[in-house]
Amino acid sequence: MHTSLTLLSLVAAADVPLAAAKTIPQVIDGITGWIMGIIAVVATMFLVIGGLRYMAAGGDPAQVEQAKGNFKSALIGYALAVLSPVVLDVLQSILGG
């Protein structure tokens, strides 16, 4: 309890804001990396699942088509990950950043 009170008193004495206000461009720049990463992870997951389905298909045409659908979804995901900065830049210019 004593250390938490000491830490709080040090923060209060320093007059440092705990969270500085950010502008819209700063927020959008921060979100860009997260969006690209999340989309790339999901696309990689679809690619792995498609590869496993293709290997396990055993010549079954329905399973091969499902695997091809997973590959297509992965390609769309990678395209979105690459294009997300462009989309966010357009959003930023629309919002007046």
C-alpha atoms as a PDB file:
ATOM      1  CA  MET A   1       0.000   0.000   0.000  1.00  0.00           C
ATOM      2  CA  HIS A   2       2.839   2.349   0.846  1.00  0.00           C
ATOM      3  CA  THR A   3       4.560   1.930  -2.538  1.00  0.00           C
ATOM      4  CA  SER A   4       1.354   2.568  -4.467  1.00  0.00           C
ATOM      5  CA  LEU A   5       0.761   5.774  -2.522  1.00  0.00           C
ATOM      6  CA  THR A   6       4.341   6.838  -3.153  1.00  0.00           C
ATOM      7  CA  LEU A   7       3.999   6.154  -6.860  1.00  0.00           C
ATOM      8  CA  LEU A   8       0.750   8.098  -7.051  1.00  0.00           C
ATOM      9  CA  SER A   9       2.270  11.024  -5.196  1.00  0.00           C
ATOM     10  CA  LEU A  10       5.261  11.034  -7.576  1.00  0.00           C
ATOM     11  CA  VAL A  11       2.978  11.090 -10.607  1.00  0.00           C
ATOM     12  CA  ALA A  12       0.860  13.847  -9.091  1.00  0.00           C
ATOM     13  CA  ALA A  13       3.937  15.855  -8.134  1.00  0.00           C
ATOM     14  CA  ALA A  14       5.405  15.623 -11.631  1.00  0.00           C
ATOM     15  CA  ASP A  15       2.311  17.197 -13.252  1.00  0.00           C
ATOM     16  CA  VAL A  16       2.592  14.738 -16.116  1.00  0.00           C
ATOM     17  CA  PRO A  17      -0.676  13.893 -17.847  1.00  0.00           C
ATOM     18  CA  LEU A  18      -1.406  10.179 -17.682  1.00  0.00           C
ATOM     19  CA  ALA A  19      -2.790  10.048 -21.224  1.00  0.00           C
ATOM     20  CA  ALA A  20      -2.099  12.772 -23.744  1.00  0.00           C
ATOM     21  CA  ALA A  21      -4.796  13.587 -26.255  1.00  0.00           C
ATOM     22  CA  LYS A  22      -3.988  12.328 -29.731  1.00  0.00           C
ATOM     23  CA  THR A  23      -4.987  13.772 -33.052  1.00  0.00           C
ATOM     24  CA  ILE A  24      -7.007  11.823 -35.609  1.00  0.00           C
ATOM     25  CA  PRO A  25      -3.949  11.174 -37.849  1.00  0.00           C
ATOM     26  CA  GLN A  26      -2.031   9.764 -34.862  1.00  0.00           C
ATOM     27  CA  VAL A  27      -4.907   7.462 -33.979  1.00  0.00           C
ATOM     28  CA  ILE A  28      -5.286   6.284 -37.573  1.00  0.00           C
ATOM     29  CA  ASP A  29      -1.530   5.660 -37.844  1.00  0.00           C
ATOM     30  CA  GLY A  30      -1.694   3.579 -34.689  1.00  0.00           C
ATOM     31  CA  ILE A  31      -4.629   1.572 -35.966  1.00  0.00           C
ATOM     32  CA  THR A  32      -2.973   0.905 -39.345  1.00  0.00           C
ATOM     33  CA  GLY A  33      -0.355  -1.441 -37.937  1.00  0.00           C
ATOM     34  CA  TRP A  34      -2.883  -3.358 -35.886  1.00  0.00           C
ATOM     35  CA  ILE A  35      -5.265  -3.808 -38.802  1.00  0.00           C
ATOM     36  CA  MET A  36      -2.517  -4.987 -41.128  1.00  0.00           C
ATOM     37  CA  GLY A  37      -1.237  -7.456 -38.557  1.00  0.00           C
ATOM     38  CA  ILE A  38      -4.629  -8.905 -37.689  1.00  0.00           C
ATOM     39  CA  ILE A  39      -5.647  -9.296 -41.345  1.00  0.00           C
ATOM     40  CA  ALA A  40      -2.303 -10.909 -42.209  1.00  0.00           C
ATOM     41  CA  VAL A  41      -2.654 -13.402 -39.339  1.00  0.00           C
ATOM     42  CA  VAL A  42      -6.185 -14.349 -40.393  1.00  0.00           C
ATOM     43  CA  ALA A  43      -5.100 -14.698 -44.032  1.00  0.00           C
ATOM     44  CA  THR A  44      -2.202 -16.925 -43.000  1.00  0.00           C
ATOM     45  CA  MET A  45      -4.613 -19.046 -41.001  1.00  0.00           C
ATOM     46  CA  PHE A  46      -6.819 -19.484 -44.096  1.00  0.00           C
ATOM     47  CA  LEU A  47      -3.752 -20.398 -46.142  1.00  0.00           C
ATOM     48  CA  VAL A  48      -2.686 -23.064 -43.646  1.00  0.00           C
ATOM     49  CA  ILE A  49      -6.212 -24.483 -43.368  1.00  0.00           C
ATOM     50  CA  GLY A  50      -6.497 -24.575 -47.168  1.00  0.00           C
ATOM     51  CA  GLY A  51      -3.177 -26.387 -47.454  1.00  0.00           C
ATOM     52  CA  LEU A  52      -4.170 -28.953 -44.845  1.00  0.00           C
ATOM     53  CA  ARG A  53      -7.537 -29.511 -46.557  1.00  0.00           C
ATOM     54  CA  TYR A  54      -5.840 -29.915 -49.911  1.00  0.00           C
ATOM     55  CA  MET A  55      -3.399 -32.478 -48.540  1.00  0.00           C
ATOM     56  CA  ALA A  56      -6.161 -34.386 -46.749  1.00  0.00           C
ATOM     57  CA  ALA A  57      -8.562 -34.304 -49.712  1.00  0.00           C
ATOM     58  CA  GLY A  58      -7.382 -37.623 -51.085  1.00  0.00           C
ATOM     59  CA  GLY A  59      -8.738 -36.835 -54.555  1.00  0.00           C
ATOM     60  CA  ASP A  60     -12.245 -35.913 -53.344  1.00  0.00           C
ATOM     61  CA  PRO A  61     -13.379 -33.074 -55.655  1.00  0.00           C
ATOM     62  CA  ALA A  62     -15.583 -31.454 -52.984  1.00  0.00           C
ATOM     63  CA  GLN A  63     -12.690 -31.258 -50.518  1.00  0.00           C
ATOM     64  CA  VAL A  64     -10.371 -29.887 -53.211  1.00  0.00           C
ATOM     65  CA  GLU A  65     -12.918 -27.150 -54.007  1.00  0.00           C
ATOM     66  CA  GLN A  66     -13.144 -26.231 -50.307  1.00  0.00           C
ATOM     67  CA  ALA A  67      -9.351 -25.998 -50.173  1.00  0.00           C
ATOM     68  CA  LYS A  68      -9.353 -23.752 -53.242  1.00  0.00           C
ATOM     69  CA  GLY A  69     -11.955 -21.568 -51.529  1.00  0.00           C
ATOM     70  CA  ASN A  70      -9.626 -21.251 -48.528  1.00  0.00           C
ATOM     71  CA  PHE A  71      -6.760 -20.272 -50.828  1.00  0.00           C
ATOM     72  CA  LYS A  72      -8.967 -17.624 -52.449  1.00  0.00           C
ATOM     73  CA  SER A  73      -9.941 -16.266 -49.025  1.00  0.00           C
ATOM     74  CA  ALA A  74      -6.271 -16.104 -48.045  1.00  0.00           C
ATOM     75  CA  LEU A  75      -5.414 -14.134 -51.180  1.00  0.00           C
ATOM     76  CA  ILE A  76      -8.253 -11.702 -50.504  1.00  0.00           C
ATOM     77  CA  GLY A  77      -7.004 -11.314 -46.931  1.00  0.00           C
ATOM     78  CA  TYR A  78      -3.460 -10.572 -48.045  1.00  0.00           C
ATOM     79  CA  ALA A  79      -4.784  -8.034 -50.567  1.00  0.00           C
ATOM     80  CA  LEU A  80      -6.761  -6.319 -47.791  1.00  0.00           C
ATOM     81  CA  ALA A  81      -3.696  -6.267 -45.546  1.00  0.00           C
ATOM     82  CA  VAL A  82      -1.688  -4.591 -48.288  1.00  0.00           C
ATOM     83  CA  LEU A  83      -4.457  -2.124 -49.152  1.00  0.00           C
ATOM     84  CA  SER A  84      -5.439  -1.213 -45.578  1.00  0.00           C
ATOM     85  CA  PRO A  85      -2.948   1.692 -45.344  1.00  0.00           C
ATOM     86  CA  VAL A  86      -4.383   3.114 -48.566  1.00  0.00           C
ATOM     87  CA  VAL A  87      -7.937   2.835 -47.239  1.00  0.00           C
ATOM     88  CA  LEU A  88      -6.935   4.461 -43.956  1.00  0.00           C
ATOM     89  CA  ASP A  89      -5.131   7.292 -45.787  1.00  0.00           C
ATOM     90  CA  VAL A  90      -8.309   7.970 -47.757  1.00  0.00           C
ATOM     91  CA  LEU A  91     -10.284   7.933 -44.504  1.00  0.00           C
ATOM     92  CA  GLN A  92      -7.775  10.307 -42.949  1.00  0.00           C
ATOM     93  CA  SER A  93      -8.067  12.757 -45.830  1.00  0.00           C
ATOM     94  CA  ILE A  94     -11.877  12.608 -45.678  1.00  0.00           C
ATOM     95  CA  LEU A  95     -11.888  13.289 -41.936  1.00  0.00           C
ATOM     96  CA  GLY A  96      -9.591  16.264 -42.407  1.00  0.00           C
ATOM     97  CA  GLY A  97      -6.304  14.914 -41.098  1.00  0.00           C
END
